[in-house]
Amino acid sequence: MIQVAGRAGRERAGQVYIQSSVPEHPVFQAIIASDYQAYASVLLAERKQLGLPPYAAQALIKASAKEQSILLAYLRAIKQALNDNATTIETLGPVPLAVEKVNHRYQAQLWLSAGDKKSLQRVLPLLEKIILHFDASGRYKTIIDVDAL
C-alpha cells in the first residue's frame, strides 16, 4: 500500500482509499502512519502465529480433469496416501480453484504445509510417487507448486 500511495501522487497530488471492515487493525494503522517497520512486524507476527511462510514451508498440488467428481476423488486419494505415509506435513483440501473450469477442464488444489523446508523437501519424492501411482494413465494434469503462496 505504501508503494501504491507513492504512485498515486507521483505526477500530481493523489489520494488512496482503503476499505476495510476492521480499520482499527494494526496493519492499517501502520499503513496510515507510513510505518513500514510496524507493518512488517504485525504481518510477521501473524504469519508466525498462523504457521505461514516464512515460518513454515508450503506447497500446492494443482490438478485438472474433465470431470470434477473424479478430480476431487483423485486429490482425496493423494491426500489420504500422504496422511498415511508422511506425518511431518499437514494437508488441507482438496478444493476447487476460484476459476473452477478452464478449457473444459475442472481445476482443484490440495494444500500442504510443513514446519520447515527440509520436512517438505523430504516429502516431495514420496508425493511424486503417489501422483504417478494414482495417475498412471495420465488422465490428470498435475502440478506441484512449492512455495506457491
Protein backbone atom coordinates (compact mmCIF):
# COMPACT_ATOMS: atom_id res chain seq x y z
CA MET A 1 0.00 0.00 0.00
CA ILE A 2 2.89 2.33 0.67
CA GLN A 3 4.04 1.76 -2.90
CA VAL A 4 0.51 2.34 -4.23
CA ALA A 5 0.24 5.61 -2.32
CA GLY A 6 3.59 6.73 -3.69
CA ARG A 7 2.48 6.05 -7.24
CA ALA A 8 -0.87 7.79 -6.73
CA GLY A 9 0.94 11.07 -6.06
CA ARG A 10 3.85 10.88 -8.50
CA GLU A 11 2.81 13.40 -11.11
CA ARG A 12 0.28 15.35 -9.07
CA ALA A 13 -1.21 15.02 -5.60
CA GLY A 14 -3.42 11.96 -5.29
CA GLN A 15 -5.33 10.02 -2.69
CA VAL A 16 -5.62 6.35 -1.82
CA TYR A 17 -8.77 4.94 -0.21
CA ILE A 18 -8.71 1.70 1.74
CA GLN A 19 -12.00 0.00 2.52
CA SER A 20 -11.98 -2.43 5.43
CA SER A 21 -14.37 -3.98 7.92
CA VAL A 22 -11.58 -3.76 10.53
CA PRO A 23 -9.91 -0.36 10.03
CA GLU A 24 -8.55 -0.48 13.59
CA HIS A 25 -6.31 -3.45 12.69
CA PRO A 26 -2.65 -2.63 13.44
CA VAL A 27 -1.68 -3.23 9.80
CA PHE A 28 -3.96 -0.43 8.61
CA GLN A 29 -2.76 1.85 11.38
CA ALA A 30 0.84 1.22 10.29
CA ILE A 31 -0.06 1.93 6.65
CA ILE A 32 -1.81 5.18 7.58
CA ALA A 33 1.25 6.21 9.61
CA SER A 34 3.60 5.14 6.77
CA ASP A 35 5.41 2.97 9.32
CA TYR A 36 6.86 0.09 7.33
CA GLN A 37 8.63 -1.45 10.32
CA ALA A 38 5.40 -1.64 12.33
CA TYR A 39 3.56 -3.01 9.27
CA ALA A 40 6.18 -5.73 8.73
CA SER A 41 6.27 -6.60 12.45
CA VAL A 42 2.49 -7.06 12.63
CA LEU A 43 2.37 -9.19 9.49
CA LEU A 44 5.32 -11.35 10.51
CA ALA A 45 3.83 -11.93 13.98
CA GLU A 46 0.52 -13.01 12.41
CA ARG A 47 2.30 -15.31 9.95
CA LYS A 48 4.29 -16.91 12.76
CA GLN A 49 1.14 -17.47 14.84
CA LEU A 50 -0.70 -19.00 11.85
CA GLY A 51 2.23 -21.13 10.69
CA LEU A 52 2.59 -19.37 7.35
CA PRO A 53 5.77 -18.60 5.39
CA PRO A 54 8.43 -17.64 6.24
CA TYR A 55 7.77 -19.69 9.41
CA ALA A 56 6.59 -22.78 7.51
CA ALA A 57 7.09 -24.37 4.11
CA GLN A 58 4.13 -24.87 1.80
CA ALA A 59 3.21 -26.43 -1.49
CA LEU A 60 0.11 -26.67 -3.62
CA ILE A 61 -0.88 -29.65 -5.68
CA LYS A 62 -2.90 -28.22 -8.55
CA ALA A 63 -4.71 -30.63 -10.80
CA SER A 64 -7.27 -30.60 -13.59
CA ALA A 65 -9.55 -33.17 -15.21
CA LYS A 66 -12.61 -33.29 -17.44
CA GLU A 67 -14.91 -34.38 -14.59
CA GLN A 68 -14.99 -32.59 -11.26
CA SER A 69 -16.05 -35.56 -9.12
CA ILE A 70 -13.21 -37.70 -10.49
CA LEU A 71 -10.74 -34.84 -10.00
CA LEU A 72 -11.72 -34.35 -6.35
CA ALA A 73 -11.58 -38.10 -5.73
CA TYR A 74 -8.06 -38.16 -7.23
CA LEU A 75 -6.88 -35.36 -4.91
CA ARG A 76 -8.58 -37.00 -1.90
CA ALA A 77 -6.68 -40.22 -2.69
CA ILE A 78 -3.40 -38.29 -2.82
CA LYS A 79 -4.28 -36.62 0.48
CA GLN A 80 -5.05 -39.94 2.16
CA ALA A 81 -1.83 -41.51 0.91
CA LEU A 82 0.16 -38.53 2.18
CA ASN A 83 -1.59 -38.60 5.56
CA ASP A 84 -0.88 -42.33 5.85
CA ASN A 85 2.80 -42.04 4.92
CA ALA A 86 4.05 -38.54 5.76
CA THR A 87 3.43 -37.47 9.34
CA THR A 88 5.54 -34.31 9.05
CA ILE A 89 3.04 -32.43 6.87
CA GLU A 90 -0.45 -31.06 7.21
CA THR A 91 -2.92 -31.21 4.33
CA LEU A 92 -5.94 -29.04 3.60
CA GLY A 93 -8.48 -29.59 0.86
CA PRO A 94 -9.00 -30.53 -1.84
CA VAL A 95 -10.98 -27.52 -3.00
CA PRO A 96 -11.93 -26.22 -6.44
CA LEU A 97 -9.89 -23.27 -7.69
CA ALA A 98 -11.51 -19.83 -7.84
CA VAL A 99 -11.70 -20.21 -11.61
CA GLU A 100 -13.19 -23.66 -11.47
CA LYS A 101 -13.17 -24.59 -15.16
CA VAL A 102 -10.72 -23.67 -17.92
CA ASN A 103 -10.73 -25.14 -21.44
CA HIS A 104 -13.40 -27.70 -20.49
CA ARG A 105 -11.30 -28.96 -17.55
CA TYR A 106 -12.15 -28.63 -13.88
CA GLN A 107 -9.41 -27.36 -11.59
CA ALA A 108 -8.79 -28.06 -7.90
CA GLN A 109 -5.95 -27.95 -5.41
CA LEU A 110 -4.63 -29.60 -2.29
CA TRP A 111 -2.56 -27.53 0.15
CA LEU A 112 0.45 -28.97 2.01
CA SER A 113 2.28 -27.37 4.93
CA ALA A 114 5.36 -28.45 6.86
CA GLY A 115 7.15 -26.88 9.79
CA ASP A 116 10.26 -26.23 7.70
CA LYS A 117 11.63 -26.57 4.16
CA LYS A 118 13.60 -29.74 4.92
CA SER A 119 10.47 -31.55 6.08
CA LEU A 120 8.62 -30.52 2.94
CA GLN A 121 11.55 -31.42 0.68
CA ARG A 122 11.70 -34.93 2.23
CA VAL A 123 8.04 -35.49 1.33
CA LEU A 124 8.26 -34.38 -2.32
CA PRO A 125 9.77 -37.62 -3.73
CA LEU A 126 7.02 -39.59 -1.99
CA LEU A 127 4.43 -37.16 -3.35
CA GLU A 128 5.70 -37.68 -6.89
CA LYS A 129 5.42 -41.48 -6.49
CA ILE A 130 1.89 -41.14 -5.10
CA ILE A 131 0.85 -38.95 -8.03
CA LEU A 132 2.32 -41.41 -10.54
CA HIS A 133 0.55 -44.28 -8.76
CA PHE A 134 -2.87 -42.63 -8.89
CA ASP A 135 -2.38 -41.21 -12.39
CA ALA A 136 -0.66 -43.99 -14.29
CA SER A 137 -2.94 -43.33 -17.29
CA GLY A 138 -2.12 -39.60 -17.50
CA ARG A 139 -5.78 -38.66 -17.08
CA TYR A 140 -4.98 -35.65 -14.89
CA LYS A 141 -2.76 -32.63 -15.36
CA THR A 142 -0.95 -32.22 -12.05
CA ILE A 143 1.49 -29.55 -10.89
CA ILE A 144 3.38 -29.38 -7.61
CA ASP A 145 3.93 -25.72 -6.79
CA VAL A 146 6.42 -25.36 -3.92
CA ASP A 147 6.38 -22.05 -2.00
CA ALA A 148 3.34 -21.05 -4.03
CA LEU A 149 1.96 -18.50 -1.61
